[in-house]
C-alpha atoms as a PDB file:
ATOM      1  CA  MET A   1     -39.091  14.371  17.218  1.00  0.00           C
ATOM      2  CA  THR A   2     -37.351  10.584  18.289  1.00  0.00           C
ATOM      3  CA  ASP A   3     -38.540   9.283  15.114  1.00  0.00           C
ATOM      4  CA  LEU A   4     -36.928  11.804  13.090  1.00  0.00           C
ATOM      5  CA  LEU A   5     -33.532  10.850  14.255  1.00  0.00           C
ATOM      6  CA  PHE A   6     -33.914   7.277  13.582  1.00  0.00           C
ATOM      7  CA  ARG A   7     -34.119   7.806   9.634  1.00  0.00           C
ATOM      8  CA  PRO A   8     -31.457   6.915   7.718  1.00  0.00           C
ATOM      9  CA  ALA A   9     -30.291  10.825   6.357  1.00  0.00           C
ATOM     10  CA  PRO A  10     -29.998  11.583   9.943  1.00  0.00           C
ATOM     11  CA  LEU A  11     -28.030   8.773  11.494  1.00  0.00           C
ATOM     12  CA  VAL A  12     -25.920   8.983   8.284  1.00  0.00           C
ATOM     13  CA  LEU A  13     -25.161  12.942   9.492  1.00  0.00           C
ATOM     14  CA  ILE A  14     -24.835  12.675  12.690  1.00  0.00           C
ATOM     15  CA  SER A  15     -21.961   9.337  12.393  1.00  0.00           C
ATOM     16  CA  ALA A  16     -19.871  11.615   9.279  1.00  0.00           C
ATOM     17  CA  LEU A  17     -20.295  14.530  12.202  1.00  0.00           C
ATOM     18  CA  GLY A  18     -19.434  12.212  14.964  1.00  0.00           C
ATOM     19  CA  TYR A  19     -16.131  10.941  12.881  1.00  0.00           C
ATOM     20  CA  ALA A  20     -15.331  14.671  11.726  1.00  0.00           C
ATOM     21  CA  GLY A  21     -15.493  15.737  15.926  1.00  0.00           C
ATOM     22  CA  ALA A  22     -12.947  13.044  16.992  1.00  0.00           C
ATOM     23  CA  THR A  23     -10.400  13.617  14.093  1.00  0.00           C
ATOM     24  CA  LEU A  24     -10.255  17.573  15.066  1.00  0.00           C
ATOM     25  CA  ALA A  25     -10.102  16.072  18.873  1.00  0.00           C
ATOM     26  CA  MET A  26      -7.715  13.853  17.803  1.00  0.00           C
ATOM     27  CA  LYS A  27      -5.334  16.814  16.351  1.00  0.00           C
ATOM     28  CA  ALA A  28      -6.036  18.982  18.842  1.00  0.00           C
ATOM     29  CA  SER A  29      -4.819  16.238  20.960  1.00  0.00           C
ATOM     30  CA  ALA A  30      -1.755  15.667  19.038  1.00  0.00           C
ATOM     31  CA  HIS A  31       0.125  18.939  20.950  1.00  0.00           C
ATOM     32  CA  SER A  32      -0.931  18.211  24.204  1.00  0.00           C
ATOM     33  CA  PRO A  33      -3.348  14.848  24.828  1.00  0.00           C
ATOM     34  CA  ALA A  34      -4.972  16.418  27.584  1.00  0.00           C
ATOM     35  CA  PRO A  35      -7.793  13.395  29.138  1.00  0.00           C
ATOM     36  CA  ALA A  36     -10.792  15.939  28.253  1.00  0.00           C
ATOM     37  CA  LEU A  37      -9.579  15.449  24.467  1.00  0.00           C
ATOM     38  CA  LEU A  38      -9.027  11.913  24.403  1.00  0.00           C
ATOM     39  CA  ALA A  39     -12.566  11.627  26.306  1.00  0.00           C
ATOM     40  CA  LEU A  40     -13.858  13.625  23.556  1.00  0.00           C
ATOM     41  CA  VAL A  41     -12.359  11.621  20.843  1.00  0.00           C
ATOM     42  CA  ALA A  42     -14.222   8.378  22.583  1.00  0.00           C
ATOM     43  CA  PHE A  43     -17.581  10.229  22.748  1.00  0.00           C
ATOM     44  CA  CYS A  44     -17.101  11.179  19.359  1.00  0.00           C
ATOM     45  CA  LEU A  45     -16.148   7.606  17.824  1.00  0.00           C
ATOM     46  CA  GLY A  46     -18.772   6.126  20.193  1.00  0.00           C
ATOM     47  CA  THR A  47     -21.374   8.083  18.841  1.00  0.00           C
ATOM     48  CA  ALA A  48     -20.763   7.907  15.213  1.00  0.00           C
ATOM     49  CA  VAL A  49     -20.297   3.844  15.343  1.00  0.00           C
ATOM     50  CA  MET A  50     -23.855   3.541  17.079  1.00  0.00           C
ATOM     51  CA  ALA A  51     -25.020   6.143  14.216  1.00  0.00           C
ATOM     52  CA  GLU A  52     -23.509   4.081  11.824  1.00  0.00           C
ATOM     53  CA  ILE A  53     -25.168   0.980  12.969  1.00  0.00           C
ATOM     54  CA  ALA A  54     -28.257   2.304  12.931  1.00  0.00           C
ATOM     55  CA  ALA A  55     -28.311   3.837   9.285  1.00  0.00           C
ATOM     56  CA  MET A  56     -26.818  -0.008   7.996  1.00  0.00           C
ATOM     57  CA  ARG A  57     -30.133  -1.397   9.373  1.00  0.00           C
ATOM     58  CA  ARG A  58     -32.309   0.524   6.879  1.00  0.00           C
ATOM     59  CA  LEU A  59     -29.373   1.230   3.764  1.00  0.00           C
ATOM     60  CA  ALA A  60     -26.951  -0.976   1.613  1.00  0.00           C
ATOM     61  CA  LEU A  61     -23.214  -0.938   3.410  1.00  0.00           C
ATOM     62  CA  GLY A  62     -21.953   0.771   0.467  1.00  0.00           C
ATOM     63  CA  VAL A  63     -23.850   3.773  -0.117  1.00  0.00           C
ATOM     64  CA  THR A  64     -23.965   4.460   4.084  1.00  0.00           C
ATOM     65  CA  TYR A  65     -20.124   3.753   4.339  1.00  0.00           C
ATOM     66  CA  VAL A  66     -19.378   6.455   1.271  1.00  0.00           C
ATOM     67  CA  THR A  67     -22.208   8.917   2.083  1.00  0.00           C
ATOM     68  CA  ILE A  68     -21.105   8.951   5.308  1.00  0.00           C
ATOM     69  CA  LEU A  69     -17.293   9.320   4.179  1.00  0.00           C
ATOM     70  CA  GLY A  70     -18.407  11.676   1.552  1.00  0.00           C
ATOM     71  CA  LEU A  71     -20.004  13.923   4.431  1.00  0.00           C
ATOM     72  CA  GLU A  72     -17.089  14.128   7.124  1.00  0.00           C
ATOM     73  CA  THR A  73     -14.391  14.713   3.887  1.00  0.00           C
ATOM     74  CA  LEU A  74     -16.745  17.889   3.927  1.00  0.00           C
ATOM     75  CA  ALA A  75     -16.861  18.427   7.350  1.00  0.00           C
ATOM     76  CA  VAL A  76     -13.009  18.043   8.010  1.00  0.00           C
ATOM     77  CA  LEU A  77     -11.894  20.079   5.176  1.00  0.00           C
ATOM     78  CA  ALA A  78     -14.172  23.003   6.052  1.00  0.00           C
ATOM     79  CA  ALA A  79     -13.181  22.527   9.799  1.00  0.00           C
ATOM     80  CA  ALA A  80      -9.339  22.458   7.998  1.00  0.00           C
ATOM     81  CA  CYS A  81     -10.268  25.888   6.212  1.00  0.00           C
ATOM     82  CA  LEU A  82     -11.618  27.310   8.927  1.00  0.00           C
ATOM     83  CA  LEU A  83      -8.391  26.565  10.939  1.00  0.00           C
ATOM     84  CA  GLY A  84      -5.983  27.803   8.389  1.00  0.00           C
ATOM     85  CA  ASP A  85      -4.778  24.558   6.916  1.00  0.00           C
ATOM     86  CA  GLN A  86      -3.545  24.529   3.853  1.00  0.00           C
ATOM     87  CA  PHE A  87      -4.527  22.601   0.594  1.00  0.00           C
ATOM     88  CA  GLY A  88      -2.201  21.479  -2.271  1.00  0.00           C
ATOM     89  CA  PRO A  89      -3.703  20.446  -5.880  1.00  0.00           C
ATOM     90  CA  ARG A  90      -3.022  16.526  -4.772  1.00  0.00           C
ATOM     91  CA  GLU A  91      -5.162  17.159  -1.365  1.00  0.00           C
ATOM     92  CA  MET A  92      -7.956  18.862  -3.687  1.00  0.00           C
ATOM     93  CA  LEU A  93      -7.814  16.374  -5.948  1.00  0.00           C
ATOM     94  CA  GLY A  94      -8.280  13.525  -3.373  1.00  0.00           C
ATOM     95  CA  GLY A  95     -10.965  15.222  -1.532  1.00  0.00           C
ATOM     96  CA  ALA A  96     -12.732  15.926  -5.057  1.00  0.00           C
ATOM     97  CA  CYS A  97     -12.519  11.879  -6.044  1.00  0.00           C
ATOM     98  CA  ILE A  98     -14.221  11.360  -2.767  1.00  0.00           C
ATOM     99  CA  LEU A  99     -17.078  13.717  -3.201  1.00  0.00           C
ATOM    100  CA  LEU A 100     -17.403  12.536  -6.845  1.00  0.00           C
ATOM    101  CA  GLY A 101     -17.454   9.033  -5.692  1.00  0.00           C
ATOM    102  CA  THR A 102     -20.321   9.841  -3.041  1.00  0.00           C
ATOM    103  CA  LEU A 103     -22.628  11.990  -5.654  1.00  0.00           C
ATOM    104  CA  ILE A 104     -22.420   8.679  -8.242  1.00  0.00           C
ATOM    105  CA  LEU A 105     -23.031   6.220  -5.335  1.00  0.00           C
ATOM    106  CA  ALA A 106     -26.141   8.930  -4.301  1.00  0.00           C
ATOM    107  CA  ALA A 107     -27.426   9.126  -8.303  1.00  0.00           C
END
């Protein structure tokens, strides 16, 4: 089980979710910067960075970075939709470009 967590795909996913979690915690702390929320931001960022470093030991920098960015984009956009955020055409096009870039690099 431990070996599974240190393979590139789980590390990239952990990193992306860590960055997305930090983003959501920062959004929540924008209204009231409670110490617990700031600690959550630090924890999520620390987890994301450590997982990204471990992933970069096994994958090329460009592939690692863009894959994490694409997965993070999906996670944040999904959470934003669930929270009721509205997206205009410019935001949708930007998100689509990031995801398309991820798919091109992954091919």
